[in-house]
Amino acid sequence: ITSGGIIDYTDSVKGRFTISRDNAK
């Protein structure tokens, strides 16, 4: 996940894993 919030996944985890970030924490 980029500093601007753009997300990418490897194919094997797409639809199963979710990356997110909390900049305040």
PDBML (XML) file of the C-alpha atoms, coordinates in Angstrom:
<?xml version="1.0" encoding="UTF-8" ?>
<PDBx:datablock datablockName="MODEL"
   xmlns:PDBx="http://pdbml.pdb.org/schema/pdbx-v50.xsd"
   xmlns:xsi="http://www.w3.org/2001/XMLSchema-instance"
   xsi:schemaLocation="http://pdbml.pdb.org/schema/pdbx-v50.xsd pdbx-v50.xsd">
   <PDBx:atom_siteCategory>
      <PDBx:atom_site id="1">
         <PDBx:B_iso_or_equiv>0.00</PDBx:B_iso_or_equiv>
         <PDBx:Cartn_x>0.000</PDBx:Cartn_x>
         <PDBx:Cartn_y>0.000</PDBx:Cartn_y>
         <PDBx:Cartn_z>0.000</PDBx:Cartn_z>
         <PDBx:auth_asym_id>A</PDBx:auth_asym_id>
         <PDBx:auth_atom_id>CA</PDBx:auth_atom_id>
         <PDBx:auth_comp_id>ILE</PDBx:auth_comp_id>
         <PDBx:auth_seq_id>1</PDBx:auth_seq_id>
         <PDBx:group_PDB>ATOM</PDBx:group_PDB>
         <PDBx:label_alt_id xsi:nil="true" />
         <PDBx:label_asym_id>A</PDBx:label_asym_id>
         <PDBx:label_atom_id>CA</PDBx:label_atom_id>
         <PDBx:label_comp_id>ILE</PDBx:label_comp_id>
         <PDBx:label_entity_id>1</PDBx:label_entity_id>
         <PDBx:label_seq_id>1</PDBx:label_seq_id>
         <PDBx:occupancy>1.00</PDBx:occupancy>
         <PDBx:pdbx_PDB_model_num>1</PDBx:pdbx_PDB_model_num>
         <PDBx:type_symbol>C</PDBx:type_symbol>
      </PDBx:atom_site>
      <PDBx:atom_site id="2">
         <PDBx:B_iso_or_equiv>0.00</PDBx:B_iso_or_equiv>
         <PDBx:Cartn_x>1.583</PDBx:Cartn_x>
         <PDBx:Cartn_y>3.244</PDBx:Cartn_y>
         <PDBx:Cartn_z>-1.083</PDBx:Cartn_z>
         <PDBx:auth_asym_id>A</PDBx:auth_asym_id>
         <PDBx:auth_atom_id>CA</PDBx:auth_atom_id>
         <PDBx:auth_comp_id>THR</PDBx:auth_comp_id>
         <PDBx:auth_seq_id>2</PDBx:auth_seq_id>
         <PDBx:group_PDB>ATOM</PDBx:group_PDB>
         <PDBx:label_alt_id xsi:nil="true" />
         <PDBx:label_asym_id>A</PDBx:label_asym_id>
         <PDBx:label_atom_id>CA</PDBx:label_atom_id>
         <PDBx:label_comp_id>THR</PDBx:label_comp_id>
         <PDBx:label_entity_id>1</PDBx:label_entity_id>
         <PDBx:label_seq_id>2</PDBx:label_seq_id>
         <PDBx:occupancy>1.00</PDBx:occupancy>
         <PDBx:pdbx_PDB_model_num>1</PDBx:pdbx_PDB_model_num>
         <PDBx:type_symbol>C</PDBx:type_symbol>
      </PDBx:atom_site>
      <PDBx:atom_site id="3">
         <PDBx:B_iso_or_equiv>0.00</PDBx:B_iso_or_equiv>
         <PDBx:Cartn_x>1.704</PDBx:Cartn_x>
         <PDBx:Cartn_y>6.448</PDBx:Cartn_y>
         <PDBx:Cartn_z>0.925</PDBx:Cartn_z>
         <PDBx:auth_asym_id>A</PDBx:auth_asym_id>
         <PDBx:auth_atom_id>CA</PDBx:auth_atom_id>
         <PDBx:auth_comp_id>SER</PDBx:auth_comp_id>
         <PDBx:auth_seq_id>3</PDBx:auth_seq_id>
         <PDBx:group_PDB>ATOM</PDBx:group_PDB>
         <PDBx:label_alt_id xsi:nil="true" />
         <PDBx:label_asym_id>A</PDBx:label_asym_id>
         <PDBx:label_atom_id>CA</PDBx:label_atom_id>
         <PDBx:label_comp_id>SER</PDBx:label_comp_id>
         <PDBx:label_entity_id>1</PDBx:label_entity_id>
         <PDBx:label_seq_id>3</PDBx:label_seq_id>
         <PDBx:occupancy>1.00</PDBx:occupancy>
         <PDBx:pdbx_PDB_model_num>1</PDBx:pdbx_PDB_model_num>
         <PDBx:type_symbol>C</PDBx:type_symbol>
      </PDBx:atom_site>
      <PDBx:atom_site id="4">
         <PDBx:B_iso_or_equiv>0.00</PDBx:B_iso_or_equiv>
         <PDBx:Cartn_x>-1.161</PDBx:Cartn_x>
         <PDBx:Cartn_y>7.610</PDBx:Cartn_y>
         <PDBx:Cartn_z>-1.272</PDBx:Cartn_z>
         <PDBx:auth_asym_id>A</PDBx:auth_asym_id>
         <PDBx:auth_atom_id>CA</PDBx:auth_atom_id>
         <PDBx:auth_comp_id>GLY</PDBx:auth_comp_id>
         <PDBx:auth_seq_id>4</PDBx:auth_seq_id>
         <PDBx:group_PDB>ATOM</PDBx:group_PDB>
         <PDBx:label_alt_id xsi:nil="true" />
         <PDBx:label_asym_id>A</PDBx:label_asym_id>
         <PDBx:label_atom_id>CA</PDBx:label_atom_id>
         <PDBx:label_comp_id>GLY</PDBx:label_comp_id>
         <PDBx:label_entity_id>1</PDBx:label_entity_id>
         <PDBx:label_seq_id>4</PDBx:label_seq_id>
         <PDBx:occupancy>1.00</PDBx:occupancy>
         <PDBx:pdbx_PDB_model_num>1</PDBx:pdbx_PDB_model_num>
         <PDBx:type_symbol>C</PDBx:type_symbol>
      </PDBx:atom_site>
      <PDBx:atom_site id="5">
         <PDBx:B_iso_or_equiv>0.00</PDBx:B_iso_or_equiv>
         <PDBx:Cartn_x>-3.245</PDBx:Cartn_x>
         <PDBx:Cartn_y>4.489</PDBx:Cartn_y>
         <PDBx:Cartn_z>-0.654</PDBx:Cartn_z>
         <PDBx:auth_asym_id>A</PDBx:auth_asym_id>
         <PDBx:auth_atom_id>CA</PDBx:auth_atom_id>
         <PDBx:auth_comp_id>GLY</PDBx:auth_comp_id>
         <PDBx:auth_seq_id>5</PDBx:auth_seq_id>
         <PDBx:group_PDB>ATOM</PDBx:group_PDB>
         <PDBx:label_alt_id xsi:nil="true" />
         <PDBx:label_asym_id>A</PDBx:label_asym_id>
         <PDBx:label_atom_id>CA</PDBx:label_atom_id>
         <PDBx:label_comp_id>GLY</PDBx:label_comp_id>
         <PDBx:label_entity_id>1</PDBx:label_entity_id>
         <PDBx:label_seq_id>5</PDBx:label_seq_id>
         <PDBx:occupancy>1.00</PDBx:occupancy>
         <PDBx:pdbx_PDB_model_num>1</PDBx:pdbx_PDB_model_num>
         <PDBx:type_symbol>C</PDBx:type_symbol>
      </PDBx:atom_site>
      <PDBx:atom_site id="6">
         <PDBx:B_iso_or_equiv>0.00</PDBx:B_iso_or_equiv>
         <PDBx:Cartn_x>-2.673</PDBx:Cartn_x>
         <PDBx:Cartn_y>2.581</PDBx:Cartn_y>
         <PDBx:Cartn_z>-3.898</PDBx:Cartn_z>
         <PDBx:auth_asym_id>A</PDBx:auth_asym_id>
         <PDBx:auth_atom_id>CA</PDBx:auth_atom_id>
         <PDBx:auth_comp_id>ILE</PDBx:auth_comp_id>
         <PDBx:auth_seq_id>6</PDBx:auth_seq_id>
         <PDBx:group_PDB>ATOM</PDBx:group_PDB>
         <PDBx:label_alt_id xsi:nil="true" />
         <PDBx:label_asym_id>A</PDBx:label_asym_id>
         <PDBx:label_atom_id>CA</PDBx:label_atom_id>
         <PDBx:label_comp_id>ILE</PDBx:label_comp_id>
         <PDBx:label_entity_id>1</PDBx:label_entity_id>
         <PDBx:label_seq_id>6</PDBx:label_seq_id>
         <PDBx:occupancy>1.00</PDBx:occupancy>
         <PDBx:pdbx_PDB_model_num>1</PDBx:pdbx_PDB_model_num>
         <PDBx:type_symbol>C</PDBx:type_symbol>
      </PDBx:atom_site>
      <PDBx:atom_site id="7">
         <PDBx:B_iso_or_equiv>0.00</PDBx:B_iso_or_equiv>
         <PDBx:Cartn_x>-2.896</PDBx:Cartn_x>
         <PDBx:Cartn_y>-1.149</PDBx:Cartn_y>
         <PDBx:Cartn_z>-3.204</PDBx:Cartn_z>
         <PDBx:auth_asym_id>A</PDBx:auth_asym_id>
         <PDBx:auth_atom_id>CA</PDBx:auth_atom_id>
         <PDBx:auth_comp_id>ILE</PDBx:auth_comp_id>
         <PDBx:auth_seq_id>7</PDBx:auth_seq_id>
         <PDBx:group_PDB>ATOM</PDBx:group_PDB>
         <PDBx:label_alt_id xsi:nil="true" />
         <PDBx:label_asym_id>A</PDBx:label_asym_id>
         <PDBx:label_atom_id>CA</PDBx:label_atom_id>
         <PDBx:label_comp_id>ILE</PDBx:label_comp_id>
         <PDBx:label_entity_id>1</PDBx:label_entity_id>
         <PDBx:label_seq_id>7</PDBx:label_seq_id>
         <PDBx:occupancy>1.00</PDBx:occupancy>
         <PDBx:pdbx_PDB_model_num>1</PDBx:pdbx_PDB_model_num>
         <PDBx:type_symbol>C</PDBx:type_symbol>
      </PDBx:atom_site>
      <PDBx:atom_site id="8">
         <PDBx:B_iso_or_equiv>0.00</PDBx:B_iso_or_equiv>
         <PDBx:Cartn_x>-1.532</PDBx:Cartn_x>
         <PDBx:Cartn_y>-4.207</PDBx:Cartn_y>
         <PDBx:Cartn_z>-4.946</PDBx:Cartn_z>
         <PDBx:auth_asym_id>A</PDBx:auth_asym_id>
         <PDBx:auth_atom_id>CA</PDBx:auth_atom_id>
         <PDBx:auth_comp_id>ASP</PDBx:auth_comp_id>
         <PDBx:auth_seq_id>8</PDBx:auth_seq_id>
         <PDBx:group_PDB>ATOM</PDBx:group_PDB>
         <PDBx:label_alt_id xsi:nil="true" />
         <PDBx:label_asym_id>A</PDBx:label_asym_id>
         <PDBx:label_atom_id>CA</PDBx:label_atom_id>
         <PDBx:label_comp_id>ASP</PDBx:label_comp_id>
         <PDBx:label_entity_id>1</PDBx:label_entity_id>
         <PDBx:label_seq_id>8</PDBx:label_seq_id>
         <PDBx:occupancy>1.00</PDBx:occupancy>
         <PDBx:pdbx_PDB_model_num>1</PDBx:pdbx_PDB_model_num>
         <PDBx:type_symbol>C</PDBx:type_symbol>
      </PDBx:atom_site>
      <PDBx:atom_site id="9">
         <PDBx:B_iso_or_equiv>0.00</PDBx:B_iso_or_equiv>
         <PDBx:Cartn_x>-1.599</PDBx:Cartn_x>
         <PDBx:Cartn_y>-7.931</PDBx:Cartn_y>
         <PDBx:Cartn_z>-4.146</PDBx:Cartn_z>
         <PDBx:auth_asym_id>A</PDBx:auth_asym_id>
         <PDBx:auth_atom_id>CA</PDBx:auth_atom_id>
         <PDBx:auth_comp_id>TYR</PDBx:auth_comp_id>
         <PDBx:auth_seq_id>9</PDBx:auth_seq_id>
         <PDBx:group_PDB>ATOM</PDBx:group_PDB>
         <PDBx:label_alt_id xsi:nil="true" />
         <PDBx:label_asym_id>A</PDBx:label_asym_id>
         <PDBx:label_atom_id>CA</PDBx:label_atom_id>
         <PDBx:label_comp_id>TYR</PDBx:label_comp_id>
         <PDBx:label_entity_id>1</PDBx:label_entity_id>
         <PDBx:label_seq_id>9</PDBx:label_seq_id>
         <PDBx:occupancy>1.00</PDBx:occupancy>
         <PDBx:pdbx_PDB_model_num>1</PDBx:pdbx_PDB_model_num>
         <PDBx:type_symbol>C</PDBx:type_symbol>
      </PDBx:atom_site>
      <PDBx:atom_site id="10">
         <PDBx:B_iso_or_equiv>0.00</PDBx:B_iso_or_equiv>
         <PDBx:Cartn_x>0.165</PDBx:Cartn_x>
         <PDBx:Cartn_y>-10.987</PDBx:Cartn_y>
         <PDBx:Cartn_z>-5.367</PDBx:Cartn_z>
         <PDBx:auth_asym_id>A</PDBx:auth_asym_id>
         <PDBx:auth_atom_id>CA</PDBx:auth_atom_id>
         <PDBx:auth_comp_id>THR</PDBx:auth_comp_id>
         <PDBx:auth_seq_id>10</PDBx:auth_seq_id>
         <PDBx:group_PDB>ATOM</PDBx:group_PDB>
         <PDBx:label_alt_id xsi:nil="true" />
         <PDBx:label_asym_id>A</PDBx:label_asym_id>
         <PDBx:label_atom_id>CA</PDBx:label_atom_id>
         <PDBx:label_comp_id>THR</PDBx:label_comp_id>
         <PDBx:label_entity_id>1</PDBx:label_entity_id>
         <PDBx:label_seq_id>10</PDBx:label_seq_id>
         <PDBx:occupancy>1.00</PDBx:occupancy>
         <PDBx:pdbx_PDB_model_num>1</PDBx:pdbx_PDB_model_num>
         <PDBx:type_symbol>C</PDBx:type_symbol>
      </PDBx:atom_site>
      <PDBx:atom_site id="11">
         <PDBx:B_iso_or_equiv>0.00</PDBx:B_iso_or_equiv>
         <PDBx:Cartn_x>-2.238</PDBx:Cartn_x>
         <PDBx:Cartn_y>-13.177</PDBx:Cartn_y>
         <PDBx:Cartn_z>-7.342</PDBx:Cartn_z>
         <PDBx:auth_asym_id>A</PDBx:auth_asym_id>
         <PDBx:auth_atom_id>CA</PDBx:auth_atom_id>
         <PDBx:auth_comp_id>ASP</PDBx:auth_comp_id>
         <PDBx:auth_seq_id>11</PDBx:auth_seq_id>
         <PDBx:group_PDB>ATOM</PDBx:group_PDB>
         <PDBx:label_alt_id xsi:nil="true" />
         <PDBx:label_asym_id>A</PDBx:label_asym_id>
         <PDBx:label_atom_id>CA</PDBx:label_atom_id>
         <PDBx:label_comp_id>ASP</PDBx:label_comp_id>
         <PDBx:label_entity_id>1</PDBx:label_entity_id>
         <PDBx:label_seq_id>11</PDBx:label_seq_id>
         <PDBx:occupancy>1.00</PDBx:occupancy>
         <PDBx:pdbx_PDB_model_num>1</PDBx:pdbx_PDB_model_num>
         <PDBx:type_symbol>C</PDBx:type_symbol>
      </PDBx:atom_site>
      <PDBx:atom_site id="12">
         <PDBx:B_iso_or_equiv>0.00</PDBx:B_iso_or_equiv>
         <PDBx:Cartn_x>-2.342</PDBx:Cartn_x>
         <PDBx:Cartn_y>-16.013</PDBx:Cartn_y>
         <PDBx:Cartn_z>-4.804</PDBx:Cartn_z>
         <PDBx:auth_asym_id>A</PDBx:auth_asym_id>
         <PDBx:auth_atom_id>CA</PDBx:auth_atom_id>
         <PDBx:auth_comp_id>SER</PDBx:auth_comp_id>
         <PDBx:auth_seq_id>12</PDBx:auth_seq_id>
         <PDBx:group_PDB>ATOM</PDBx:group_PDB>
         <PDBx:label_alt_id xsi:nil="true" />
         <PDBx:label_asym_id>A</PDBx:label_asym_id>
         <PDBx:label_atom_id>CA</PDBx:label_atom_id>
         <PDBx:label_comp_id>SER</PDBx:label_comp_id>
         <PDBx:label_entity_id>1</PDBx:label_entity_id>
         <PDBx:label_seq_id>12</PDBx:label_seq_id>
         <PDBx:occupancy>1.00</PDBx:occupancy>
         <PDBx:pdbx_PDB_model_num>1</PDBx:pdbx_PDB_model_num>
         <PDBx:type_symbol>C</PDBx:type_symbol>
      </PDBx:atom_site>
      <PDBx:atom_site id="13">
         <PDBx:B_iso_or_equiv>0.00</PDBx:B_iso_or_equiv>
         <PDBx:Cartn_x>-3.924</PDBx:Cartn_x>
         <PDBx:Cartn_y>-13.833</PDBx:Cartn_y>
         <PDBx:Cartn_z>-2.098</PDBx:Cartn_z>
         <PDBx:auth_asym_id>A</PDBx:auth_asym_id>
         <PDBx:auth_atom_id>CA</PDBx:auth_atom_id>
         <PDBx:auth_comp_id>VAL</PDBx:auth_comp_id>
         <PDBx:auth_seq_id>13</PDBx:auth_seq_id>
         <PDBx:group_PDB>ATOM</PDBx:group_PDB>
         <PDBx:label_alt_id xsi:nil="true" />
         <PDBx:label_asym_id>A</PDBx:label_asym_id>
         <PDBx:label_atom_id>CA</PDBx:label_atom_id>
         <PDBx:label_comp_id>VAL</PDBx:label_comp_id>
         <PDBx:label_entity_id>1</PDBx:label_entity_id>
         <PDBx:label_seq_id>13</PDBx:label_seq_id>
         <PDBx:occupancy>1.00</PDBx:occupancy>
         <PDBx:pdbx_PDB_model_num>1</PDBx:pdbx_PDB_model_num>
         <PDBx:type_symbol>C</PDBx:type_symbol>
      </PDBx:atom_site>
      <PDBx:atom_site id="14">
         <PDBx:B_iso_or_equiv>0.00</PDBx:B_iso_or_equiv>
         <PDBx:Cartn_x>-6.275</PDBx:Cartn_x>
         <PDBx:Cartn_y>-11.678</PDBx:Cartn_y>
         <PDBx:Cartn_z>-4.159</PDBx:Cartn_z>
         <PDBx:auth_asym_id>A</PDBx:auth_asym_id>
         <PDBx:auth_atom_id>CA</PDBx:auth_atom_id>
         <PDBx:auth_comp_id>LYS</PDBx:auth_comp_id>
         <PDBx:auth_seq_id>14</PDBx:auth_seq_id>
         <PDBx:group_PDB>ATOM</PDBx:group_PDB>
         <PDBx:label_alt_id xsi:nil="true" />
         <PDBx:label_asym_id>A</PDBx:label_asym_id>
         <PDBx:label_atom_id>CA</PDBx:label_atom_id>
         <PDBx:label_comp_id>LYS</PDBx:label_comp_id>
         <PDBx:label_entity_id>1</PDBx:label_entity_id>
         <PDBx:label_seq_id>14</PDBx:label_seq_id>
         <PDBx:occupancy>1.00</PDBx:occupancy>
         <PDBx:pdbx_PDB_model_num>1</PDBx:pdbx_PDB_model_num>
         <PDBx:type_symbol>C</PDBx:type_symbol>
      </PDBx:atom_site>
      <PDBx:atom_site id="15">
         <PDBx:B_iso_or_equiv>0.00</PDBx:B_iso_or_equiv>
         <PDBx:Cartn_x>-9.809</PDBx:Cartn_x>
         <PDBx:Cartn_y>-11.871</PDBx:Cartn_y>
         <PDBx:Cartn_z>-2.794</PDBx:Cartn_z>
         <PDBx:auth_asym_id>A</PDBx:auth_asym_id>
         <PDBx:auth_atom_id>CA</PDBx:auth_atom_id>
         <PDBx:auth_comp_id>GLY</PDBx:auth_comp_id>
         <PDBx:auth_seq_id>15</PDBx:auth_seq_id>
         <PDBx:group_PDB>ATOM</PDBx:group_PDB>
         <PDBx:label_alt_id xsi:nil="true" />
         <PDBx:label_asym_id>A</PDBx:label_asym_id>
         <PDBx:label_atom_id>CA</PDBx:label_atom_id>
         <PDBx:label_comp_id>GLY</PDBx:label_comp_id>
         <PDBx:label_entity_id>1</PDBx:label_entity_id>
         <PDBx:label_seq_id>15</PDBx:label_seq_id>
         <PDBx:occupancy>1.00</PDBx:occupancy>
         <PDBx:pdbx_PDB_model_num>1</PDBx:pdbx_PDB_model_num>
         <PDBx:type_symbol>C</PDBx:type_symbol>
      </PDBx:atom_site>
      <PDBx:atom_site id="16">
         <PDBx:B_iso_or_equiv>0.00</PDBx:B_iso_or_equiv>
         <PDBx:Cartn_x>-8.621</PDBx:Cartn_x>
         <PDBx:Cartn_y>-13.365</PDBx:Cartn_y>
         <PDBx:Cartn_z>0.504</PDBx:Cartn_z>
         <PDBx:auth_asym_id>A</PDBx:auth_asym_id>
         <PDBx:auth_atom_id>CA</PDBx:auth_atom_id>
         <PDBx:auth_comp_id>ARG</PDBx:auth_comp_id>
         <PDBx:auth_seq_id>16</PDBx:auth_seq_id>
         <PDBx:group_PDB>ATOM</PDBx:group_PDB>
         <PDBx:label_alt_id xsi:nil="true" />
         <PDBx:label_asym_id>A</PDBx:label_asym_id>
         <PDBx:label_atom_id>CA</PDBx:label_atom_id>
         <PDBx:label_comp_id>ARG</PDBx:label_comp_id>
         <PDBx:label_entity_id>1</PDBx:label_entity_id>
         <PDBx:label_seq_id>16</PDBx:label_seq_id>
         <PDBx:occupancy>1.00</PDBx:occupancy>
         <PDBx:pdbx_PDB_model_num>1</PDBx:pdbx_PDB_model_num>
         <PDBx:type_symbol>C</PDBx:type_symbol>
      </PDBx:atom_site>
      <PDBx:atom_site id="17">
         <PDBx:B_iso_or_equiv>0.00</PDBx:B_iso_or_equiv>
         <PDBx:Cartn_x>-6.206</PDBx:Cartn_x>
         <PDBx:Cartn_y>-10.804</PDBx:Cartn_y>
         <PDBx:Cartn_z>1.997</PDBx:Cartn_z>
         <PDBx:auth_asym_id>A</PDBx:auth_asym_id>
         <PDBx:auth_atom_id>CA</PDBx:auth_atom_id>
         <PDBx:auth_comp_id>PHE</PDBx:auth_comp_id>
         <PDBx:auth_seq_id>17</PDBx:auth_seq_id>
         <PDBx:group_PDB>ATOM</PDBx:group_PDB>
         <PDBx:label_alt_id xsi:nil="true" />
         <PDBx:label_asym_id>A</PDBx:label_asym_id>
         <PDBx:label_atom_id>CA</PDBx:label_atom_id>
         <PDBx:label_comp_id>PHE</PDBx:label_comp_id>
         <PDBx:label_entity_id>1</PDBx:label_entity_id>
         <PDBx:label_seq_id>17</PDBx:label_seq_id>
         <PDBx:occupancy>1.00</PDBx:occupancy>
         <PDBx:pdbx_PDB_model_num>1</PDBx:pdbx_PDB_model_num>
         <PDBx:type_symbol>C</PDBx:type_symbol>
      </PDBx:atom_site>
      <PDBx:atom_site id="18">
         <PDBx:B_iso_or_equiv>0.00</PDBx:B_iso_or_equiv>
         <PDBx:Cartn_x>-6.738</PDBx:Cartn_x>
         <PDBx:Cartn_y>-7.090</PDBx:Cartn_y>
         <PDBx:Cartn_z>2.597</PDBx:Cartn_z>
         <PDBx:auth_asym_id>A</PDBx:auth_asym_id>
         <PDBx:auth_atom_id>CA</PDBx:auth_atom_id>
         <PDBx:auth_comp_id>THR</PDBx:auth_comp_id>
         <PDBx:auth_seq_id>18</PDBx:auth_seq_id>
         <PDBx:group_PDB>ATOM</PDBx:group_PDB>
         <PDBx:label_alt_id xsi:nil="true" />
         <PDBx:label_asym_id>A</PDBx:label_asym_id>
         <PDBx:label_atom_id>CA</PDBx:label_atom_id>
         <PDBx:label_comp_id>THR</PDBx:label_comp_id>
         <PDBx:label_entity_id>1</PDBx:label_entity_id>
         <PDBx:label_seq_id>18</PDBx:label_seq_id>
         <PDBx:occupancy>1.00</PDBx:occupancy>
         <PDBx:pdbx_PDB_model_num>1</PDBx:pdbx_PDB_model_num>
         <PDBx:type_symbol>C</PDBx:type_symbol>
      </PDBx:atom_site>
      <PDBx:atom_site id="19">
         <PDBx:B_iso_or_equiv>0.00</PDBx:B_iso_or_equiv>
         <PDBx:Cartn_x>-3.992</PDBx:Cartn_x>
         <PDBx:Cartn_y>-4.585</PDBx:Cartn_y>
         <PDBx:Cartn_z>3.345</PDBx:Cartn_z>
         <PDBx:auth_asym_id>A</PDBx:auth_asym_id>
         <PDBx:auth_atom_id>CA</PDBx:auth_atom_id>
         <PDBx:auth_comp_id>ILE</PDBx:auth_comp_id>
         <PDBx:auth_seq_id>19</PDBx:auth_seq_id>
         <PDBx:group_PDB>ATOM</PDBx:group_PDB>
         <PDBx:label_alt_id xsi:nil="true" />
         <PDBx:label_asym_id>A</PDBx:label_asym_id>
         <PDBx:label_atom_id>CA</PDBx:label_atom_id>
         <PDBx:label_comp_id>ILE</PDBx:label_comp_id>
         <PDBx:label_entity_id>1</PDBx:label_entity_id>
         <PDBx:label_seq_id>19</PDBx:label_seq_id>
         <PDBx:occupancy>1.00</PDBx:occupancy>
         <PDBx:pdbx_PDB_model_num>1</PDBx:pdbx_PDB_model_num>
         <PDBx:type_symbol>C</PDBx:type_symbol>
      </PDBx:atom_site>
      <PDBx:atom_site id="20">
         <PDBx:B_iso_or_equiv>0.00</PDBx:B_iso_or_equiv>
         <PDBx:Cartn_x>-4.786</PDBx:Cartn_x>
         <PDBx:Cartn_y>-1.287</PDBx:Cartn_y>
         <PDBx:Cartn_z>5.021</PDBx:Cartn_z>
         <PDBx:auth_asym_id>A</PDBx:auth_asym_id>
         <PDBx:auth_atom_id>CA</PDBx:auth_atom_id>
         <PDBx:auth_comp_id>SER</PDBx:auth_comp_id>
         <PDBx:auth_seq_id>20</PDBx:auth_seq_id>
         <PDBx:group_PDB>ATOM</PDBx:group_PDB>
         <PDBx:label_alt_id xsi:nil="true" />
         <PDBx:label_asym_id>A</PDBx:label_asym_id>
         <PDBx:label_atom_id>CA</PDBx:label_atom_id>
         <PDBx:label_comp_id>SER</PDBx:label_comp_id>
         <PDBx:label_entity_id>1</PDBx:label_entity_id>
         <PDBx:label_seq_id>20</PDBx:label_seq_id>
         <PDBx:occupancy>1.00</PDBx:occupancy>
         <PDBx:pdbx_PDB_model_num>1</PDBx:pdbx_PDB_model_num>
         <PDBx:type_symbol>C</PDBx:type_symbol>
      </PDBx:atom_site>
      <PDBx:atom_site id="21">
         <PDBx:B_iso_or_equiv>0.00</PDBx:B_iso_or_equiv>
         <PDBx:Cartn_x>-3.031</PDBx:Cartn_x>
         <PDBx:Cartn_y>1.454</PDBx:Cartn_y>
         <PDBx:Cartn_z>6.922</PDBx:Cartn_z>
         <PDBx:auth_asym_id>A</PDBx:auth_asym_id>
         <PDBx:auth_atom_id>CA</PDBx:auth_atom_id>
         <PDBx:auth_comp_id>ARG</PDBx:auth_comp_id>
         <PDBx:auth_seq_id>21</PDBx:auth_seq_id>
         <PDBx:group_PDB>ATOM</PDBx:group_PDB>
         <PDBx:label_alt_id xsi:nil="true" />
         <PDBx:label_asym_id>A</PDBx:label_asym_id>
         <PDBx:label_atom_id>CA</PDBx:label_atom_id>
         <PDBx:label_comp_id>ARG</PDBx:label_comp_id>
         <PDBx:label_entity_id>1</PDBx:label_entity_id>
         <PDBx:label_seq_id>21</PDBx:label_seq_id>
         <PDBx:occupancy>1.00</PDBx:occupancy>
         <PDBx:pdbx_PDB_model_num>1</PDBx:pdbx_PDB_model_num>
         <PDBx:type_symbol>C</PDBx:type_symbol>
      </PDBx:atom_site>
      <PDBx:atom_site id="22">
         <PDBx:B_iso_or_equiv>0.00</PDBx:B_iso_or_equiv>
         <PDBx:Cartn_x>-3.900</PDBx:Cartn_x>
         <PDBx:Cartn_y>3.820</PDBx:Cartn_y>
         <PDBx:Cartn_z>9.755</PDBx:Cartn_z>
         <PDBx:auth_asym_id>A</PDBx:auth_asym_id>
         <PDBx:auth_atom_id>CA</PDBx:auth_atom_id>
         <PDBx:auth_comp_id>ASP</PDBx:auth_comp_id>
         <PDBx:auth_seq_id>22</PDBx:auth_seq_id>
         <PDBx:group_PDB>ATOM</PDBx:group_PDB>
         <PDBx:label_alt_id xsi:nil="true" />
         <PDBx:label_asym_id>A</PDBx:label_asym_id>
         <PDBx:label_atom_id>CA</PDBx:label_atom_id>
         <PDBx:label_comp_id>ASP</PDBx:label_comp_id>
         <PDBx:label_entity_id>1</PDBx:label_entity_id>
         <PDBx:label_seq_id>22</PDBx:label_seq_id>
         <PDBx:occupancy>1.00</PDBx:occupancy>
         <PDBx:pdbx_PDB_model_num>1</PDBx:pdbx_PDB_model_num>
         <PDBx:type_symbol>C</PDBx:type_symbol>
      </PDBx:atom_site>
      <PDBx:atom_site id="23">
         <PDBx:B_iso_or_equiv>0.00</PDBx:B_iso_or_equiv>
         <PDBx:Cartn_x>-1.668</PDBx:Cartn_x>
         <PDBx:Cartn_y>6.852</PDBx:Cartn_y>
         <PDBx:Cartn_z>9.420</PDBx:Cartn_z>
         <PDBx:auth_asym_id>A</PDBx:auth_asym_id>
         <PDBx:auth_atom_id>CA</PDBx:auth_atom_id>
         <PDBx:auth_comp_id>ASN</PDBx:auth_comp_id>
         <PDBx:auth_seq_id>23</PDBx:auth_seq_id>
         <PDBx:group_PDB>ATOM</PDBx:group_PDB>
         <PDBx:label_alt_id xsi:nil="true" />
         <PDBx:label_asym_id>A</PDBx:label_asym_id>
         <PDBx:label_atom_id>CA</PDBx:label_atom_id>
         <PDBx:label_comp_id>ASN</PDBx:label_comp_id>
         <PDBx:label_entity_id>1</PDBx:label_entity_id>
         <PDBx:label_seq_id>23</PDBx:label_seq_id>
         <PDBx:occupancy>1.00</PDBx:occupancy>
         <PDBx:pdbx_PDB_model_num>1</PDBx:pdbx_PDB_model_num>
         <PDBx:type_symbol>C</PDBx:type_symbol>
      </PDBx:atom_site>
      <PDBx:atom_site id="24">
         <PDBx:B_iso_or_equiv>0.00</PDBx:B_iso_or_equiv>
         <PDBx:Cartn_x>-2.829</PDBx:Cartn_x>
         <PDBx:Cartn_y>8.260</PDBx:Cartn_y>
         <PDBx:Cartn_z>12.748</PDBx:Cartn_z>
         <PDBx:auth_asym_id>A</PDBx:auth_asym_id>
         <PDBx:auth_atom_id>CA</PDBx:auth_atom_id>
         <PDBx:auth_comp_id>ALA</PDBx:auth_comp_id>
         <PDBx:auth_seq_id>24</PDBx:auth_seq_id>
         <PDBx:group_PDB>ATOM</PDBx:group_PDB>
         <PDBx:label_alt_id xsi:nil="true" />
         <PDBx:label_asym_id>A</PDBx:label_asym_id>
         <PDBx:label_atom_id>CA</PDBx:label_atom_id>
         <PDBx:label_comp_id>ALA</PDBx:label_comp_id>
         <PDBx:label_entity_id>1</PDBx:label_entity_id>
         <PDBx:label_seq_id>24</PDBx:label_seq_id>
         <PDBx:occupancy>1.00</PDBx:occupancy>
         <PDBx:pdbx_PDB_model_num>1</PDBx:pdbx_PDB_model_num>
         <PDBx:type_symbol>C</PDBx:type_symbol>
      </PDBx:atom_site>
      <PDBx:atom_site id="25">
         <PDBx:B_iso_or_equiv>0.00</PDBx:B_iso_or_equiv>
         <PDBx:Cartn_x>-1.520</PDBx:Cartn_x>
         <PDBx:Cartn_y>5.137</PDBx:Cartn_y>
         <PDBx:Cartn_z>14.491</PDBx:Cartn_z>
         <PDBx:auth_asym_id>A</PDBx:auth_asym_id>
         <PDBx:auth_atom_id>CA</PDBx:auth_atom_id>
         <PDBx:auth_comp_id>LYS</PDBx:auth_comp_id>
         <PDBx:auth_seq_id>25</PDBx:auth_seq_id>
         <PDBx:group_PDB>ATOM</PDBx:group_PDB>
         <PDBx:label_alt_id xsi:nil="true" />
         <PDBx:label_asym_id>A</PDBx:label_asym_id>
         <PDBx:label_atom_id>CA</PDBx:label_atom_id>
         <PDBx:label_comp_id>LYS</PDBx:label_comp_id>
         <PDBx:label_entity_id>1</PDBx:label_entity_id>
         <PDBx:label_seq_id>25</PDBx:label_seq_id>
         <PDBx:occupancy>1.00</PDBx:occupancy>
         <PDBx:pdbx_PDB_model_num>1</PDBx:pdbx_PDB_model_num>
         <PDBx:type_symbol>C</PDBx:type_symbol>
      </PDBx:atom_site>
   </PDBx:atom_siteCategory>
</PDBx:datablock>
